[in-house]
C-alpha atoms as a PDB file:
ATOM      1  CA  MET A   1      -2.353   1.709 -30.654  1.00  0.00           C
ATOM      2  CA  SER A   2       0.424   1.998 -28.118  1.00  0.00           C
ATOM      3  CA  SER A   3      -0.073   3.026 -24.510  1.00  0.00           C
ATOM      4  CA  THR A   4       2.239   4.677 -22.080  1.00  0.00           C
ATOM      5  CA  LYS A   5       3.516   2.994 -18.931  1.00  0.00           C
ATOM      6  CA  LYS A   6       1.134   4.967 -16.728  1.00  0.00           C
ATOM      7  CA  GLN A   7      -1.891   4.103 -18.885  1.00  0.00           C
ATOM      8  CA  ALA A   8      -0.962   0.421 -18.708  1.00  0.00           C
ATOM      9  CA  ARG A   9      -0.598   0.584 -14.914  1.00  0.00           C
ATOM     10  CA  VAL A  10      -3.969   2.319 -14.514  1.00  0.00           C
ATOM     11  CA  ARG A  11      -5.571  -0.292 -16.781  1.00  0.00           C
ATOM     12  CA  ARG A  12      -4.157  -3.097 -14.602  1.00  0.00           C
ATOM     13  CA  ALA A  13      -5.386  -1.339 -11.454  1.00  0.00           C
ATOM     14  CA  LYS A  14      -8.996  -1.107 -12.680  1.00  0.00           C
ATOM     15  CA  SER A  15      -9.746  -4.825 -12.552  1.00  0.00           C
ATOM     16  CA  THR A  16      -8.057  -5.224  -9.173  1.00  0.00           C
ATOM     17  CA  ARG A  17     -10.043  -2.362  -7.669  1.00  0.00           C
ATOM     18  CA  ALA A  18     -13.303  -3.724  -9.093  1.00  0.00           C
ATOM     19  CA  LYS A  19     -12.638  -7.069  -7.412  1.00  0.00           C
ATOM     20  CA  ILE A  20     -11.706  -5.424  -4.095  1.00  0.00           C
ATOM     21  CA  ARG A  21     -14.858  -3.279  -4.217  1.00  0.00           C
ATOM     22  CA  SER A  22     -16.986  -6.415  -4.616  1.00  0.00           C
ATOM     23  CA  LEU A  23     -15.357  -7.976  -1.522  1.00  0.00           C
ATOM     24  CA  GLU A  24     -16.467  -5.007   0.626  1.00  0.00           C
ATOM     25  CA  MET A  25     -13.503  -5.306   2.963  1.00  0.00           C
ATOM     26  CA  PRO A  26     -10.843  -2.749   3.899  1.00  0.00           C
ATOM     27  CA  SER A  27      -7.976  -2.438   1.467  1.00  0.00           C
ATOM     28  CA  LEU A  28      -4.293  -1.595   1.776  1.00  0.00           C
ATOM     29  CA  SER A  29      -3.700   0.737  -1.139  1.00  0.00           C
ATOM     30  CA  ILE A  30      -0.174   1.754  -2.082  1.00  0.00           C
ATOM     31  CA  HIS A  31       1.306   4.307  -4.427  1.00  0.00           C
ATOM     32  CA  ARG A  32       4.932   4.728  -5.327  1.00  0.00           C
ATOM     33  CA  THR A  33       6.761   7.507  -7.064  1.00  0.00           C
ATOM     34  CA  ASP A  34      10.392   7.864  -8.025  1.00  0.00           C
ATOM     35  CA  LYS A  35      11.194   9.427  -4.652  1.00  0.00           C
ATOM     36  CA  ASN A  36       8.531   8.306  -2.153  1.00  0.00           C
ATOM     37  CA  LEU A  37       6.201   5.510  -1.126  1.00  0.00           C
ATOM     38  CA  TYR A  38       2.698   5.916   0.290  1.00  0.00           C
ATOM     39  CA  ALA A  39       0.324   3.399   1.907  1.00  0.00           C
ATOM     40  CA  GLN A  40      -3.168   3.751   3.301  1.00  0.00           C
ATOM     41  CA  ILE A  41      -5.913   1.553   4.690  1.00  0.00           C
ATOM     42  CA  ILE A  42      -9.260   2.437   3.086  1.00  0.00           C
ATOM     43  CA  SER A  43     -12.618   1.363   4.554  1.00  0.00           C
ATOM     44  CA  GLY A  44     -14.664  -1.334   2.819  1.00  0.00           C
ATOM     45  CA  ASP A  45     -17.098   1.162   1.309  1.00  0.00           C
ATOM     46  CA  GLY A  46     -14.222   3.359   0.120  1.00  0.00           C
ATOM     47  CA  THR A  47     -15.330   6.485   1.966  1.00  0.00           C
ATOM     48  CA  LYS A  48     -12.758   6.798   4.766  1.00  0.00           C
ATOM     49  CA  THR A  49      -9.029   6.441   5.238  1.00  0.00           C
ATOM     50  CA  LEU A  50      -8.527   4.446   8.441  1.00  0.00           C
ATOM     51  CA  ALA A  51      -4.711   4.602   8.624  1.00  0.00           C
ATOM     52  CA  SER A  52      -1.855   5.895   6.513  1.00  0.00           C
ATOM     53  CA  ALA A  53       1.939   5.947   6.356  1.00  0.00           C
ATOM     54  CA  SER A  54       4.429   7.388   3.912  1.00  0.00           C
ATOM     55  CA  SER A  55       8.108   7.991   3.454  1.00  0.00           C
ATOM     56  CA  LEU A  56       7.462  11.733   3.820  1.00  0.00           C
ATOM     57  CA  GLU A  57       6.582  11.465   7.524  1.00  0.00           C
ATOM     58  CA  LYS A  58       9.209  12.919   9.793  1.00  0.00           C
ATOM     59  CA  GLY A  59      10.856  10.341  12.031  1.00  0.00           C
ATOM     60  CA  LEU A  60       9.493   7.300  10.187  1.00  0.00           C
ATOM     61  CA  VAL A  61      12.218   6.584   7.634  1.00  0.00           C
ATOM     62  CA  GLU A  62      14.930   8.632   9.424  1.00  0.00           C
ATOM     63  CA  GLY A  63      17.860   9.323   7.169  1.00  0.00           C
ATOM     64  CA  LYS A  64      17.127   6.548   4.686  1.00  0.00           C
ATOM     65  CA  SER A  65      16.032   7.314   1.188  1.00  0.00           C
ATOM     66  CA  GLY A  66      12.256   7.115   0.842  1.00  0.00           C
ATOM     67  CA  LYS A  67      12.571   5.134  -2.327  1.00  0.00           C
ATOM     68  CA  ASN A  68      14.457   2.005  -1.282  1.00  0.00           C
ATOM     69  CA  ILE A  69      13.425  -1.424  -0.009  1.00  0.00           C
ATOM     70  CA  GLU A  70      14.476  -0.715   3.591  1.00  0.00           C
ATOM     71  CA  ALA A  71      12.120   2.285   3.664  1.00  0.00           C
ATOM     72  CA  ALA A  72       9.338   0.114   2.202  1.00  0.00           C
ATOM     73  CA  LYS A  73       9.788  -2.389   5.046  1.00  0.00           C
ATOM     74  CA  ILE A  74       9.558   0.395   7.639  1.00  0.00           C
ATOM     75  CA  ILE A  75       6.409   1.789   6.020  1.00  0.00           C
ATOM     76  CA  GLY A  76       4.856  -1.698   5.813  1.00  0.00           C
ATOM     77  CA  LYS A  77       5.454  -2.291   9.501  1.00  0.00           C
ATOM     78  CA  ALA A  78       4.103   1.162  10.414  1.00  0.00           C
ATOM     79  CA  ILE A  79       0.912   0.781   8.363  1.00  0.00           C
ATOM     80  CA  ALA A  80       0.253  -2.651   9.893  1.00  0.00           C
ATOM     81  CA  GLU A  81       0.659  -1.304  13.430  1.00  0.00           C
ATOM     82  CA  ARG A  82      -1.652   1.634  12.693  1.00  0.00           C
ATOM     83  CA  ALA A  83      -4.250  -0.631  11.068  1.00  0.00           C
ATOM     84  CA  LEU A  84      -4.274  -3.001  14.039  1.00  0.00           C
ATOM     85  CA  LYS A  85      -4.641  -0.016  16.359  1.00  0.00           C
ATOM     86  CA  ALA A  86      -7.646   1.119  14.277  1.00  0.00           C
ATOM     87  CA  GLY A  87      -9.213  -2.347  14.617  1.00  0.00           C
ATOM     88  CA  VAL A  88      -8.460  -3.647  11.120  1.00  0.00           C
ATOM     89  CA  GLU A  89      -6.931  -7.134  11.107  1.00  0.00           C
ATOM     90  CA  LYS A  90      -7.455  -8.287   7.523  1.00  0.00           C
ATOM     91  CA  VAL A  91      -7.260  -6.271   4.307  1.00  0.00           C
ATOM     92  CA  ALA A  92      -7.227  -6.746   0.560  1.00  0.00           C
ATOM     93  CA  PHE A  93      -3.927  -5.659  -1.024  1.00  0.00           C
ATOM     94  CA  ASP A  94      -4.374  -3.034  -3.744  1.00  0.00           C
ATOM     95  CA  ARG A  95      -1.027  -2.624  -5.449  1.00  0.00           C
ATOM     96  CA  SER A  96      -2.465   0.039  -7.798  1.00  0.00           C
ATOM     97  CA  GLY A  97      -1.263  -1.729 -10.927  1.00  0.00           C
ATOM     98  CA  PHE A  98       2.370  -1.818  -9.818  1.00  0.00           C
ATOM     99  CA  LEU A  99       4.166  -5.129 -10.235  1.00  0.00           C
ATOM    100  CA  TYR A 100       4.492  -7.272  -7.088  1.00  0.00           C
ATOM    101  CA  HIS A 101       8.252  -6.874  -6.997  1.00  0.00           C
ATOM    102  CA  GLY A 102      10.861  -4.857  -5.122  1.00  0.00           C
ATOM    103  CA  LYS A 103       9.427  -2.093  -2.924  1.00  0.00           C
ATOM    104  CA  VAL A 104       5.824  -3.246  -3.334  1.00  0.00           C
ATOM    105  CA  LYS A 105       6.696  -6.799  -2.293  1.00  0.00           C
ATOM    106  CA  ALA A 106       8.835  -5.592   0.634  1.00  0.00           C
ATOM    107  CA  LEU A 107       6.000  -3.405   1.947  1.00  0.00           C
ATOM    108  CA  ALA A 108       3.453  -6.240   1.710  1.00  0.00           C
ATOM    109  CA  GLU A 109       5.715  -8.781   3.413  1.00  0.00           C
ATOM    110  CA  ALA A 110       6.591  -6.355   6.225  1.00  0.00           C
ATOM    111  CA  ALA A 111       2.884  -5.694   6.826  1.00  0.00           C
ATOM    112  CA  ARG A 112       2.218  -9.451   6.981  1.00  0.00           C
ATOM    113  CA  GLU A 113       5.086  -9.993   9.443  1.00  0.00           C
ATOM    114  CA  ALA A 114       3.710  -7.190  11.655  1.00  0.00           C
ATOM    115  CA  GLY A 115       0.402  -9.066  11.963  1.00  0.00           C
ATOM    116  CA  LEU A 116      -1.785  -7.648   9.201  1.00  0.00           C
ATOM    117  CA  GLY A 117      -3.668 -10.274   7.197  1.00  0.00           C
ATOM    118  CA  LEU A 118      -3.242  -9.667   3.460  1.00  0.00           C
END
């Protein structure tokens, strides 16, 4: 039985999310599409979004494509600043089944450099 790329990604995400849920700590959840990148800090119980950032926000990426590594770094820095402002210093990184490579890695490293504990 073969699976599609999306089914494989969702399957990978399930075990990660189960582990994060058991930790009961806020998580930095990301989602990427062909054109945009989204990040949000979700509370430990999973009921509230504490902070969010995306490449669709006006003035955040400014003229850069929302799908490249430079945009991912800007979004990572923005989400870290917003999380710290909301009182969240340490989060679990939920990469939603995406490989830790390219845009996902750039976003995570930028968030770490901005002071967010991943």
